[in-house]
Amino acid sequence: MTAATRTTPQTKAARQQRIADLLGRTAVRSQTQLAQLLADDGIDVTQATLSRDLVQMGAVRVRGTTGELVYAVPAEGGDRTPRAADLGGDARLAKVASEVLVSAEASANLVVLRTPPGAANYLASALDHADAADLLGTIAGDDTVLLIARDPEGGAALAARLLAVAEGTDPVATPPQALQTDVQTQPDETNRRNPR
């Protein structure tokens, strides 16, 4: 990745945010797999640094919906439920949208979502962690979320999809799977072989 195409700085905060994003969107089963995903994004990291990052982020290994152990990080806003890719980011969006989305209006590539007072950040966080390739970003206030669609004319389609998600008529958003309680706090396979 060249410096001209890079969009994030090579800092610890940016690296850890990218790790959280990857764990929320991809079922990551090992640190080796995670290091490769980071390298694909132009972020070279040593195994020791990656292990430290996972510990600092509170990452755990949980049994996913397929029965395999995957990495997960705690959700935001005081929600300590581990968030992993195959534990339903889209299902979380469906749950949150059904609880707090009041309206969705579009103009060109912009969508304005209304929520009850104080709920906008909660909805924006769920949107940020869902698999929404058509969404460039979110900006949240107290009771309003501004969405920016990637397509210059994609606001109407995005608003319609979010209304369908909130109403439970979107076939992509499935109900959340029950989180299994098999949680491992060891950040990787290395720690099991070499106890401290």
N, C-alpha and C. Protein backbone atom coordinates (compact mmCIF):
# COMPACT_ATOMS: atom_id res chain seq x y z
N MET A 1 0.86 -1.17 0.00
CA MET A 1 0.00 0.00 0.00
C MET A 1 0.90 1.23 0.00
N THR A 2 0.69 2.11 -0.92
CA THR A 2 1.53 3.30 -1.02
C THR A 2 1.01 4.38 -0.09
N ALA A 3 1.89 5.34 0.20
CA ALA A 3 1.51 6.43 1.09
C ALA A 3 0.35 7.24 0.51
N ALA A 4 0.25 7.30 -0.82
CA ALA A 4 -0.81 8.08 -1.46
C ALA A 4 -2.18 7.43 -1.26
N THR A 5 -2.25 6.09 -1.14
CA THR A 5 -3.53 5.42 -0.98
C THR A 5 -3.87 5.11 0.47
N ARG A 6 -2.93 5.28 1.37
CA ARG A 6 -3.17 4.98 2.78
C ARG A 6 -4.11 6.02 3.37
N THR A 7 -5.10 5.56 4.16
CA THR A 7 -6.08 6.49 4.73
C THR A 7 -6.01 6.55 6.25
N THR A 8 -5.20 5.72 6.87
CA THR A 8 -5.08 5.74 8.33
C THR A 8 -3.63 5.90 8.73
N PRO A 9 -3.38 6.57 9.85
CA PRO A 9 -2.00 6.72 10.32
C PRO A 9 -1.48 5.41 10.91
N GLN A 10 -0.18 5.27 10.96
CA GLN A 10 0.45 4.09 11.54
C GLN A 10 0.65 4.31 13.04
N THR A 11 -0.44 4.44 13.79
CA THR A 11 -0.38 4.66 15.23
C THR A 11 -1.01 3.49 15.96
N LYS A 12 -0.73 3.41 17.25
CA LYS A 12 -1.30 2.35 18.08
C LYS A 12 -2.83 2.45 18.10
N ALA A 13 -3.37 3.64 18.25
CA ALA A 13 -4.83 3.82 18.30
C ALA A 13 -5.47 3.37 17.00
N ALA A 14 -4.89 3.76 15.86
CA ALA A 14 -5.44 3.37 14.56
C ALA A 14 -5.33 1.86 14.36
N ARG A 15 -4.21 1.27 14.79
CA ARG A 15 -4.02 -0.18 14.65
C ARG A 15 -5.05 -0.94 15.50
N GLN A 16 -5.24 -0.50 16.74
CA GLN A 16 -6.19 -1.19 17.61
C GLN A 16 -7.62 -1.03 17.11
N GLN A 17 -7.94 0.13 16.55
CA GLN A 17 -9.28 0.30 15.99
C GLN A 17 -9.48 -0.61 14.79
N ARG A 18 -8.44 -0.76 13.97
CA ARG A 18 -8.54 -1.65 12.81
C ARG A 18 -8.69 -3.09 13.27
N ILE A 19 -7.99 -3.47 14.35
CA ILE A 19 -8.14 -4.82 14.91
C ILE A 19 -9.58 -5.04 15.35
N ALA A 20 -10.15 -4.07 16.07
CA ALA A 20 -11.54 -4.18 16.53
C ALA A 20 -12.49 -4.30 15.34
N ASP A 21 -12.25 -3.51 14.29
CA ASP A 21 -13.09 -3.58 13.09
C ASP A 21 -13.00 -4.97 12.44
N LEU A 22 -11.78 -5.48 12.32
CA LEU A 22 -11.59 -6.80 11.71
C LEU A 22 -12.27 -7.89 12.53
N LEU A 23 -12.11 -7.84 13.85
CA LEU A 23 -12.72 -8.86 14.70
C LEU A 23 -14.24 -8.78 14.66
N GLY A 24 -14.77 -7.59 14.42
CA GLY A 24 -16.21 -7.42 14.34
C GLY A 24 -16.80 -7.82 13.00
N ARG A 25 -15.95 -7.96 11.98
CA ARG A 25 -16.45 -8.27 10.63
C ARG A 25 -15.96 -9.60 10.07
N THR A 26 -14.91 -10.16 10.67
CA THR A 26 -14.31 -11.40 10.17
C THR A 26 -14.13 -12.37 11.32
N ALA A 27 -14.47 -13.62 11.11
CA ALA A 27 -14.26 -14.64 12.14
C ALA A 27 -12.77 -14.97 12.18
N VAL A 28 -12.06 -14.40 13.15
CA VAL A 28 -10.61 -14.57 13.26
C VAL A 28 -10.33 -15.64 14.30
N ARG A 29 -9.65 -16.70 13.88
CA ARG A 29 -9.40 -17.84 14.75
C ARG A 29 -8.00 -17.88 15.35
N SER A 30 -7.06 -17.07 14.81
CA SER A 30 -5.69 -17.09 15.33
C SER A 30 -5.03 -15.74 15.15
N GLN A 31 -3.96 -15.53 15.90
CA GLN A 31 -3.20 -14.30 15.75
C GLN A 31 -2.51 -14.27 14.40
N THR A 32 -2.12 -15.41 13.89
CA THR A 32 -1.48 -15.47 12.57
C THR A 32 -2.45 -14.96 11.51
N GLN A 33 -3.70 -15.40 11.57
CA GLN A 33 -4.72 -14.94 10.63
C GLN A 33 -4.94 -13.44 10.78
N LEU A 34 -5.00 -12.95 12.02
CA LEU A 34 -5.20 -11.52 12.26
C LEU A 34 -4.02 -10.71 11.72
N ALA A 35 -2.80 -11.18 11.95
CA ALA A 35 -1.61 -10.48 11.44
C ALA A 35 -1.65 -10.40 9.91
N GLN A 36 -2.12 -11.46 9.25
CA GLN A 36 -2.21 -11.45 7.80
C GLN A 36 -3.27 -10.45 7.32
N LEU A 37 -4.41 -10.40 8.01
CA LEU A 37 -5.46 -9.43 7.65
C LEU A 37 -4.95 -8.00 7.81
N LEU A 38 -4.19 -7.75 8.86
CA LEU A 38 -3.60 -6.43 9.07
C LEU A 38 -2.58 -6.12 7.97
N ALA A 39 -1.75 -7.11 7.64
CA ALA A 39 -0.75 -6.92 6.58
C ALA A 39 -1.43 -6.60 5.25
N ASP A 40 -2.57 -7.25 4.99
CA ASP A 40 -3.33 -6.96 3.77
C ASP A 40 -3.78 -5.51 3.73
N ASP A 41 -3.95 -4.89 4.91
CA ASP A 41 -4.35 -3.48 5.00
C ASP A 41 -3.14 -2.55 5.08
N GLY A 42 -1.93 -3.12 4.96
CA GLY A 42 -0.72 -2.31 5.00
C GLY A 42 -0.21 -2.03 6.41
N ILE A 43 -0.68 -2.82 7.39
CA ILE A 43 -0.24 -2.64 8.77
C ILE A 43 0.60 -3.85 9.15
N ASP A 44 1.92 -3.64 9.23
CA ASP A 44 2.83 -4.71 9.63
C ASP A 44 3.00 -4.66 11.14
N VAL A 45 2.78 -5.80 11.80
CA VAL A 45 2.85 -5.85 13.25
C VAL A 45 3.51 -7.16 13.67
N THR A 46 4.31 -7.10 14.73
CA THR A 46 4.94 -8.31 15.24
C THR A 46 3.94 -9.07 16.09
N GLN A 47 4.22 -10.35 16.31
CA GLN A 47 3.32 -11.17 17.12
C GLN A 47 3.25 -10.64 18.54
N ALA A 48 4.37 -10.17 19.08
CA ALA A 48 4.38 -9.64 20.45
C ALA A 48 3.51 -8.39 20.57
N THR A 49 3.61 -7.50 19.60
CA THR A 49 2.79 -6.28 19.61
C THR A 49 1.32 -6.63 19.46
N LEU A 50 1.03 -7.55 18.58
CA LEU A 50 -0.35 -7.97 18.37
C LEU A 50 -0.94 -8.59 19.63
N SER A 51 -0.16 -9.42 20.29
CA SER A 51 -0.60 -10.03 21.55
C SER A 51 -0.87 -8.97 22.61
N ARG A 52 0.02 -7.98 22.72
CA ARG A 52 -0.18 -6.88 23.67
C ARG A 52 -1.44 -6.09 23.33
N ASP A 53 -1.64 -5.80 22.05
CA ASP A 53 -2.84 -5.08 21.62
C ASP A 53 -4.10 -5.81 22.05
N LEU A 54 -4.14 -7.12 21.81
CA LEU A 54 -5.32 -7.91 22.16
C LEU A 54 -5.60 -7.89 23.66
N VAL A 55 -4.56 -7.97 24.45
CA VAL A 55 -4.72 -7.91 25.91
C VAL A 55 -5.25 -6.54 26.32
N GLN A 56 -4.64 -5.47 25.80
CA GLN A 56 -5.06 -4.11 26.15
C GLN A 56 -6.50 -3.83 25.72
N MET A 57 -6.93 -4.44 24.64
CA MET A 57 -8.29 -4.24 24.13
C MET A 57 -9.32 -5.10 24.85
N GLY A 58 -8.85 -6.02 25.69
CA GLY A 58 -9.77 -6.91 26.40
C GLY A 58 -10.32 -8.01 25.52
N ALA A 59 -9.59 -8.36 24.46
CA ALA A 59 -10.05 -9.40 23.54
C ALA A 59 -10.06 -10.75 24.23
N VAL A 60 -11.06 -11.54 23.90
CA VAL A 60 -11.19 -12.90 24.42
C VAL A 60 -11.51 -13.82 23.25
N ARG A 61 -11.39 -15.10 23.49
CA ARG A 61 -11.79 -16.08 22.48
C ARG A 61 -13.11 -16.68 22.94
N VAL A 62 -14.10 -16.62 22.07
CA VAL A 62 -15.43 -17.13 22.39
C VAL A 62 -15.80 -18.20 21.36
N ARG A 63 -16.71 -19.06 21.76
CA ARG A 63 -17.19 -20.07 20.83
C ARG A 63 -18.24 -19.42 19.95
N GLY A 64 -17.94 -19.35 18.67
CA GLY A 64 -18.85 -18.72 17.72
C GLY A 64 -20.00 -19.62 17.33
N THR A 65 -20.81 -19.17 16.41
CA THR A 65 -21.99 -19.91 15.99
C THR A 65 -21.65 -21.21 15.29
N THR A 66 -20.43 -21.31 14.75
CA THR A 66 -20.01 -22.55 14.08
C THR A 66 -19.34 -23.52 15.05
N GLY A 67 -19.16 -23.12 16.30
CA GLY A 67 -18.55 -23.98 17.30
C GLY A 67 -17.05 -23.78 17.45
N GLU A 68 -16.44 -23.00 16.54
CA GLU A 68 -15.01 -22.76 16.63
C GLU A 68 -14.74 -21.54 17.51
N LEU A 69 -13.55 -21.52 18.13
CA LEU A 69 -13.17 -20.37 18.93
C LEU A 69 -12.72 -19.23 18.02
N VAL A 70 -13.28 -18.04 18.25
CA VAL A 70 -12.92 -16.85 17.49
C VAL A 70 -12.64 -15.72 18.46
N TYR A 71 -11.83 -14.77 18.02
CA TYR A 71 -11.55 -13.60 18.85
C TYR A 71 -12.74 -12.66 18.87
N ALA A 72 -12.94 -12.03 20.00
CA ALA A 72 -14.01 -11.04 20.16
C ALA A 72 -13.50 -9.94 21.08
N VAL A 73 -14.02 -8.73 20.87
CA VAL A 73 -13.69 -7.61 21.74
C VAL A 73 -14.98 -7.11 22.39
N PRO A 74 -14.88 -6.52 23.58
CA PRO A 74 -16.09 -6.00 24.22
C PRO A 74 -16.74 -4.92 23.37
N ALA A 75 -18.06 -4.88 23.40
CA ALA A 75 -18.81 -3.84 22.70
C ALA A 75 -18.63 -2.52 23.42
N GLU A 76 -19.10 -1.45 22.81
CA GLU A 76 -18.96 -0.12 23.40
C GLU A 76 -20.15 0.20 24.30
N GLY A 77 -20.05 1.35 24.96
CA GLY A 77 -21.16 1.88 25.74
C GLY A 77 -21.50 1.09 26.98
N GLY A 78 -20.52 0.46 27.60
CA GLY A 78 -20.77 -0.29 28.80
C GLY A 78 -21.25 -1.71 28.55
N ASP A 79 -21.54 -2.06 27.30
CA ASP A 79 -21.96 -3.41 26.95
C ASP A 79 -20.72 -4.28 26.93
N ARG A 80 -20.57 -5.19 27.88
CA ARG A 80 -19.37 -6.02 27.98
C ARG A 80 -19.51 -7.34 27.23
N THR A 81 -20.61 -7.51 26.48
CA THR A 81 -20.79 -8.71 25.70
C THR A 81 -19.74 -8.74 24.59
N PRO A 82 -18.98 -9.82 24.48
CA PRO A 82 -17.99 -9.87 23.41
C PRO A 82 -18.65 -9.74 22.04
N ARG A 83 -17.98 -8.98 21.16
CA ARG A 83 -18.48 -8.74 19.81
C ARG A 83 -17.52 -9.39 18.83
N ALA A 84 -18.01 -10.39 18.12
CA ALA A 84 -17.21 -11.08 17.11
C ALA A 84 -18.02 -11.16 15.82
N ALA A 85 -17.34 -11.40 14.72
CA ALA A 85 -17.98 -11.36 13.41
C ALA A 85 -19.14 -12.34 13.29
N ASP A 86 -18.95 -13.58 13.72
CA ASP A 86 -20.03 -14.53 13.50
C ASP A 86 -21.01 -14.58 14.66
N LEU A 87 -20.97 -13.58 15.53
CA LEU A 87 -21.95 -13.47 16.60
C LEU A 87 -23.00 -12.42 16.28
N GLY A 88 -23.03 -11.92 15.05
CA GLY A 88 -24.15 -11.15 14.58
C GLY A 88 -24.08 -9.64 14.67
N GLY A 89 -23.17 -8.97 13.96
CA GLY A 89 -23.16 -7.51 13.89
C GLY A 89 -24.43 -6.99 13.24
N ASP A 90 -24.91 -7.69 12.20
CA ASP A 90 -26.16 -7.29 11.55
C ASP A 90 -27.34 -7.55 12.47
N ALA A 91 -27.27 -8.61 13.26
CA ALA A 91 -28.35 -8.91 14.20
C ALA A 91 -28.40 -7.83 15.29
N ARG A 92 -27.24 -7.34 15.71
CA ARG A 92 -27.22 -6.26 16.70
C ARG A 92 -27.86 -5.00 16.12
N LEU A 93 -27.55 -4.69 14.86
CA LEU A 93 -28.16 -3.54 14.22
C LEU A 93 -29.67 -3.70 14.16
N ALA A 94 -30.14 -4.90 13.81
CA ALA A 94 -31.58 -5.15 13.74
C ALA A 94 -32.24 -4.92 15.09
N LYS A 95 -31.59 -5.39 16.14
CA LYS A 95 -32.15 -5.23 17.49
C LYS A 95 -32.19 -3.76 17.89
N VAL A 96 -31.07 -3.05 17.70
CA VAL A 96 -31.00 -1.65 18.08
C VAL A 96 -31.96 -0.80 17.24
N ALA A 97 -31.98 -1.03 15.93
CA ALA A 97 -32.86 -0.25 15.06
C ALA A 97 -34.32 -0.45 15.43
N SER A 98 -34.69 -1.68 15.76
CA SER A 98 -36.08 -1.93 16.12
C SER A 98 -36.46 -1.24 17.43
N GLU A 99 -35.48 -0.99 18.27
CA GLU A 99 -35.74 -0.35 19.56
C GLU A 99 -35.72 1.17 19.50
N VAL A 100 -34.86 1.77 18.64
CA VAL A 100 -34.66 3.22 18.73
C VAL A 100 -34.87 4.01 17.45
N LEU A 101 -34.97 3.37 16.28
CA LEU A 101 -35.14 4.14 15.05
C LEU A 101 -36.56 4.69 14.96
N VAL A 102 -36.68 6.02 14.88
CA VAL A 102 -37.97 6.69 14.80
C VAL A 102 -38.31 7.04 13.36
N SER A 103 -37.32 7.53 12.59
CA SER A 103 -37.56 7.87 11.19
C SER A 103 -36.24 7.86 10.43
N ALA A 104 -36.36 7.76 9.10
CA ALA A 104 -35.20 7.80 8.20
C ALA A 104 -35.60 8.57 6.95
N GLU A 105 -34.90 9.67 6.67
CA GLU A 105 -35.16 10.48 5.48
C GLU A 105 -33.87 10.66 4.70
N ALA A 106 -33.99 10.61 3.37
CA ALA A 106 -32.80 10.66 2.51
C ALA A 106 -32.81 11.85 1.59
N SER A 107 -31.60 12.28 1.21
CA SER A 107 -31.38 13.30 0.19
C SER A 107 -30.04 13.00 -0.44
N ALA A 108 -30.05 12.66 -1.73
CA ALA A 108 -28.84 12.30 -2.47
C ALA A 108 -28.13 11.16 -1.76
N ASN A 109 -26.91 11.38 -1.24
CA ASN A 109 -26.20 10.31 -0.55
C ASN A 109 -26.24 10.47 0.97
N LEU A 110 -27.13 11.31 1.47
CA LEU A 110 -27.25 11.54 2.90
C LEU A 110 -28.54 10.95 3.44
N VAL A 111 -28.48 10.43 4.66
CA VAL A 111 -29.68 9.92 5.35
C VAL A 111 -29.66 10.50 6.75
N VAL A 112 -30.80 11.05 7.17
CA VAL A 112 -30.95 11.55 8.53
C VAL A 112 -31.86 10.59 9.28
N LEU A 113 -31.32 10.00 10.35
CA LEU A 113 -32.08 9.09 11.20
C LEU A 113 -32.44 9.83 12.48
N ARG A 114 -33.66 9.65 12.95
CA ARG A 114 -34.10 10.23 14.21
C ARG A 114 -34.30 9.11 15.22
N THR A 115 -33.92 9.41 16.48
CA THR A 115 -34.06 8.46 17.58
C THR A 115 -34.66 9.20 18.77
N PRO A 116 -35.05 8.50 19.82
CA PRO A 116 -35.40 9.19 21.06
C PRO A 116 -34.16 9.91 21.60
N PRO A 117 -34.33 10.91 22.46
CA PRO A 117 -33.18 11.64 23.00
C PRO A 117 -32.17 10.69 23.67
N GLY A 118 -30.91 10.89 23.35
CA GLY A 118 -29.83 10.11 23.95
C GLY A 118 -29.51 8.80 23.26
N ALA A 119 -30.26 8.40 22.24
CA ALA A 119 -30.07 7.09 21.63
C ALA A 119 -29.28 7.12 20.33
N ALA A 120 -28.95 8.30 19.82
CA ALA A 120 -28.30 8.39 18.52
C ALA A 120 -26.93 7.71 18.50
N ASN A 121 -26.13 7.89 19.52
CA ASN A 121 -24.80 7.26 19.54
C ASN A 121 -24.90 5.74 19.57
N TYR A 122 -25.89 5.23 20.27
CA TYR A 122 -26.12 3.79 20.35
C TYR A 122 -26.42 3.22 18.96
N LEU A 123 -27.29 3.88 18.23
CA LEU A 123 -27.64 3.45 16.87
C LEU A 123 -26.45 3.61 15.92
N ALA A 124 -25.73 4.72 16.03
CA ALA A 124 -24.56 4.95 15.16
C ALA A 124 -23.51 3.88 15.39
N SER A 125 -23.30 3.48 16.63
CA SER A 125 -22.33 2.43 16.93
C SER A 125 -22.74 1.11 16.30
N ALA A 126 -24.02 0.77 16.39
CA ALA A 126 -24.50 -0.46 15.77
C ALA A 126 -24.31 -0.42 14.25
N LEU A 127 -24.56 0.75 13.65
CA LEU A 127 -24.34 0.90 12.21
C LEU A 127 -22.86 0.77 11.86
N ASP A 128 -22.00 1.37 12.67
CA ASP A 128 -20.56 1.31 12.41
C ASP A 128 -20.04 -0.12 12.44
N HIS A 129 -20.67 -0.98 13.23
CA HIS A 129 -20.16 -2.35 13.38
C HIS A 129 -20.93 -3.37 12.56
N ALA A 130 -21.92 -2.93 11.84
CA ALA A 130 -22.66 -3.84 10.95
C ALA A 130 -21.91 -3.97 9.63
N ASP A 131 -22.27 -4.99 8.89
CA ASP A 131 -21.66 -5.19 7.58
C ASP A 131 -22.43 -4.36 6.56
N ALA A 132 -22.09 -3.08 6.48
CA ALA A 132 -22.80 -2.15 5.59
C ALA A 132 -21.81 -1.55 4.60
N ALA A 133 -21.57 -2.26 3.52
CA ALA A 133 -20.60 -1.80 2.52
C ALA A 133 -21.05 -0.53 1.82
N ASP A 134 -22.38 -0.27 1.81
CA ASP A 134 -22.90 0.92 1.15
C ASP A 134 -22.82 2.17 2.02
N LEU A 135 -22.32 2.03 3.24
CA LEU A 135 -22.26 3.13 4.20
C LEU A 135 -20.82 3.62 4.36
N LEU A 136 -20.58 4.90 4.07
CA LEU A 136 -19.25 5.48 4.21
C LEU A 136 -18.96 5.85 5.66
N GLY A 137 -19.95 6.41 6.36
CA GLY A 137 -19.72 6.78 7.75
C GLY A 137 -20.96 7.32 8.42
N THR A 138 -20.85 7.53 9.73
CA THR A 138 -21.94 8.05 10.54
C THR A 138 -21.46 9.22 11.40
N ILE A 139 -22.37 10.14 11.67
CA ILE A 139 -22.11 11.23 12.61
C ILE A 139 -23.34 11.29 13.52
N ALA A 140 -23.12 11.20 14.82
CA ALA A 140 -24.25 11.14 15.75
C ALA A 140 -24.28 12.34 16.67
N GLY A 141 -25.48 12.81 16.92
CA GLY A 141 -25.73 13.84 17.92
C GLY A 141 -26.47 13.20 19.08
N ASP A 142 -27.43 13.93 19.66
CA ASP A 142 -28.20 13.42 20.77
C ASP A 142 -29.35 12.53 20.29
N ASP A 143 -30.12 13.03 19.30
CA ASP A 143 -31.26 12.27 18.80
C ASP A 143 -31.28 12.17 17.27
N THR A 144 -30.13 12.46 16.66
CA THR A 144 -30.04 12.45 15.20
C THR A 144 -28.73 11.79 14.77
N VAL A 145 -28.83 10.94 13.74
CA VAL A 145 -27.65 10.32 13.14
C VAL A 145 -27.63 10.70 11.67
N LEU A 146 -26.50 11.22 11.20
CA LEU A 146 -26.31 11.51 9.79
C LEU A 146 -25.49 10.38 9.18
N LEU A 147 -26.03 9.76 8.14
CA LEU A 147 -25.33 8.70 7.42
C LEU A 147 -24.90 9.23 6.07
N ILE A 148 -23.72 8.82 5.64
CA ILE A 148 -23.22 9.19 4.32
C ILE A 148 -23.06 7.90 3.53
N ALA A 149 -23.84 7.78 2.46
CA ALA A 149 -23.78 6.59 1.60
C ALA A 149 -22.61 6.72 0.63
N ARG A 150 -22.03 5.60 0.24
CA ARG A 150 -20.93 5.61 -0.74
C ARG A 150 -21.41 6.05 -2.12
N ASP A 151 -22.58 5.58 -2.51
CA ASP A 151 -23.14 5.93 -3.82
C ASP A 151 -23.69 7.35 -3.75
N PRO A 152 -23.34 8.23 -4.71
CA PRO A 152 -23.82 9.61 -4.69
C PRO A 152 -25.34 9.73 -4.67
N GLU A 153 -26.05 8.71 -5.12
CA GLU A 153 -27.52 8.72 -5.09
C GLU A 153 -28.06 7.59 -4.22
N GLY A 154 -27.25 7.08 -3.30
CA GLY A 154 -27.63 5.88 -2.53
C GLY A 154 -28.38 6.12 -1.24
N GLY A 155 -28.69 7.37 -0.91
CA GLY A 155 -29.36 7.66 0.35
C GLY A 155 -30.73 7.03 0.47
N ALA A 156 -31.53 7.09 -0.59
CA ALA A 156 -32.89 6.55 -0.53
C ALA A 156 -32.88 5.04 -0.30
N ALA A 157 -32.00 4.32 -0.99
CA ALA A 157 -31.91 2.87 -0.83
C ALA A 157 -31.43 2.52 0.58
N LEU A 158 -30.47 3.27 1.10
CA LEU A 158 -29.96 3.03 2.44
C LEU A 158 -31.05 3.28 3.48
N ALA A 159 -31.79 4.37 3.34
CA ALA A 159 -32.88 4.67 4.28
C ALA A 159 -33.95 3.58 4.24
N ALA A 160 -34.30 3.13 3.03
CA ALA A 160 -35.30 2.08 2.90
C ALA A 160 -34.84 0.78 3.55
N ARG A 161 -33.55 0.45 3.35
CA ARG A 161 -33.02 -0.78 3.96
C ARG A 161 -33.04 -0.69 5.47
N LEU A 162 -32.68 0.47 6.04
CA LEU A 162 -32.67 0.61 7.50
C LEU A 162 -34.09 0.56 8.08
N LEU A 163 -35.05 1.12 7.37
CA LEU A 163 -36.44 1.00 7.82
C LEU A 163 -36.88 -0.46 7.81
N ALA A 164 -36.49 -1.20 6.77
CA ALA A 164 -36.82 -2.63 6.70
C ALA A 164 -36.15 -3.41 7.82
N VAL A 165 -34.90 -3.06 8.14
CA VAL A 165 -34.19 -3.70 9.24
C VAL A 165 -34.93 -3.45 10.55
N ALA A 166 -35.34 -2.21 10.79
CA ALA A 166 -36.04 -1.86 12.03
C ALA A 166 -37.38 -2.58 12.14
N GLU A 167 -38.06 -2.76 11.01
CA GLU A 167 -39.37 -3.42 11.01
C GLU A 167 -39.26 -4.94 11.01
N GLY A 168 -38.04 -5.45 10.83
CA GLY A 168 -37.84 -6.89 10.82
C GLY A 168 -38.18 -7.53 9.49
N THR A 169 -38.27 -6.74 8.43
CA THR A 169 -38.60 -7.30 7.11
C THR A 169 -37.39 -7.42 6.20
N ASP A 170 -36.20 -7.06 6.69
CA ASP A 170 -34.98 -7.18 5.88
C ASP A 170 -34.46 -8.61 6.01
N PRO A 171 -34.36 -9.37 4.92
CA PRO A 171 -33.94 -10.76 5.01
C PRO A 171 -32.48 -10.93 5.43
N VAL A 172 -31.66 -9.88 5.30
CA VAL A 172 -30.24 -9.99 5.67
C VAL A 172 -30.06 -9.96 7.18
N ALA A 173 -30.86 -9.16 7.87
CA ALA A 173 -30.73 -9.03 9.31
C ALA A 173 -31.46 -10.17 9.99
N THR A 174 -30.70 -11.07 10.58
CA THR A 174 -31.29 -12.22 11.24
C THR A 174 -31.29 -12.01 12.74
N PRO A 175 -32.16 -12.70 13.47
CA PRO A 175 -32.16 -12.54 14.91
C PRO A 175 -30.84 -12.98 15.52
N PRO A 176 -30.42 -12.33 16.61
CA PRO A 176 -29.13 -12.68 17.19
C PRO A 176 -29.09 -14.12 17.69
N GLN A 177 -27.96 -14.77 17.45
CA GLN A 177 -27.75 -16.11 17.98
C GLN A 177 -27.38 -15.98 19.45
N ALA A 178 -27.74 -16.97 20.22
CA ALA A 178 -27.40 -16.94 21.65
C ALA A 178 -25.88 -17.06 21.78
N LEU A 179 -25.31 -16.17 22.55
CA LEU A 179 -23.87 -16.20 22.78
C LEU A 179 -23.55 -17.34 23.72
N GLN A 180 -22.71 -18.25 23.29
CA GLN A 180 -22.35 -19.36 24.14
C GLN A 180 -21.39 -18.87 25.22
N THR A 181 -21.40 -19.51 26.34
CA THR A 181 -20.64 -19.03 27.49
C THR A 181 -19.22 -19.57 27.53
N ASP A 182 -18.78 -20.29 26.54
CA ASP A 182 -17.44 -20.84 26.50
C ASP A 182 -16.47 -19.74 26.09
N VAL A 183 -15.95 -19.00 27.06
CA VAL A 183 -15.05 -17.87 26.79
C VAL A 183 -13.67 -18.21 27.31
N GLN A 184 -12.65 -18.00 26.48
CA GLN A 184 -11.27 -18.17 26.91
C GLN A 184 -10.63 -16.80 27.00
N THR A 185 -9.94 -16.53 28.09
CA THR A 185 -9.32 -15.22 28.24
C THR A 185 -7.89 -15.19 27.77
N GLN A 186 -7.32 -16.34 27.41
CA GLN A 186 -5.97 -16.33 26.88
C GLN A 186 -6.00 -15.74 25.48
N PRO A 187 -5.13 -14.74 25.20
CA PRO A 187 -5.20 -14.08 23.92
C PRO A 187 -4.73 -14.89 22.73
N ASP A 188 -3.98 -15.96 22.91
CA ASP A 188 -3.57 -16.73 21.74
C ASP A 188 -3.05 -18.10 22.13
N GLU A 189 -2.71 -18.86 21.10
CA GLU A 189 -2.21 -20.23 21.31
C GLU A 189 -0.86 -20.23 21.99
N THR A 190 -0.07 -19.21 21.79
CA THR A 190 1.27 -19.14 22.37
C THR A 190 1.21 -19.16 23.88
N ASN A 191 0.24 -18.48 24.48
CA ASN A 191 0.14 -18.42 25.93
C ASN A 191 -0.19 -19.77 26.53
N ARG A 192 -0.88 -20.63 25.80
CA ARG A 192 -1.18 -21.96 26.33
C ARG A 192 0.07 -22.83 26.31
N ARG A 193 0.94 -22.62 25.35
CA ARG A 193 2.16 -23.42 25.26
C ARG A 193 3.23 -22.90 26.21
N ASN A 194 3.25 -21.59 26.43
CA ASN A 194 4.29 -20.98 27.26
C ASN A 194 3.65 -20.17 28.38
N PRO A 195 3.20 -20.81 29.47
CA PRO A 195 2.57 -20.03 30.52
C PRO A 195 3.55 -19.06 31.14
N ARG A 196 3.05 -17.96 31.62
CA ARG A 196 3.93 -16.91 32.20
C ARG A 196 4.32 -17.24 33.61
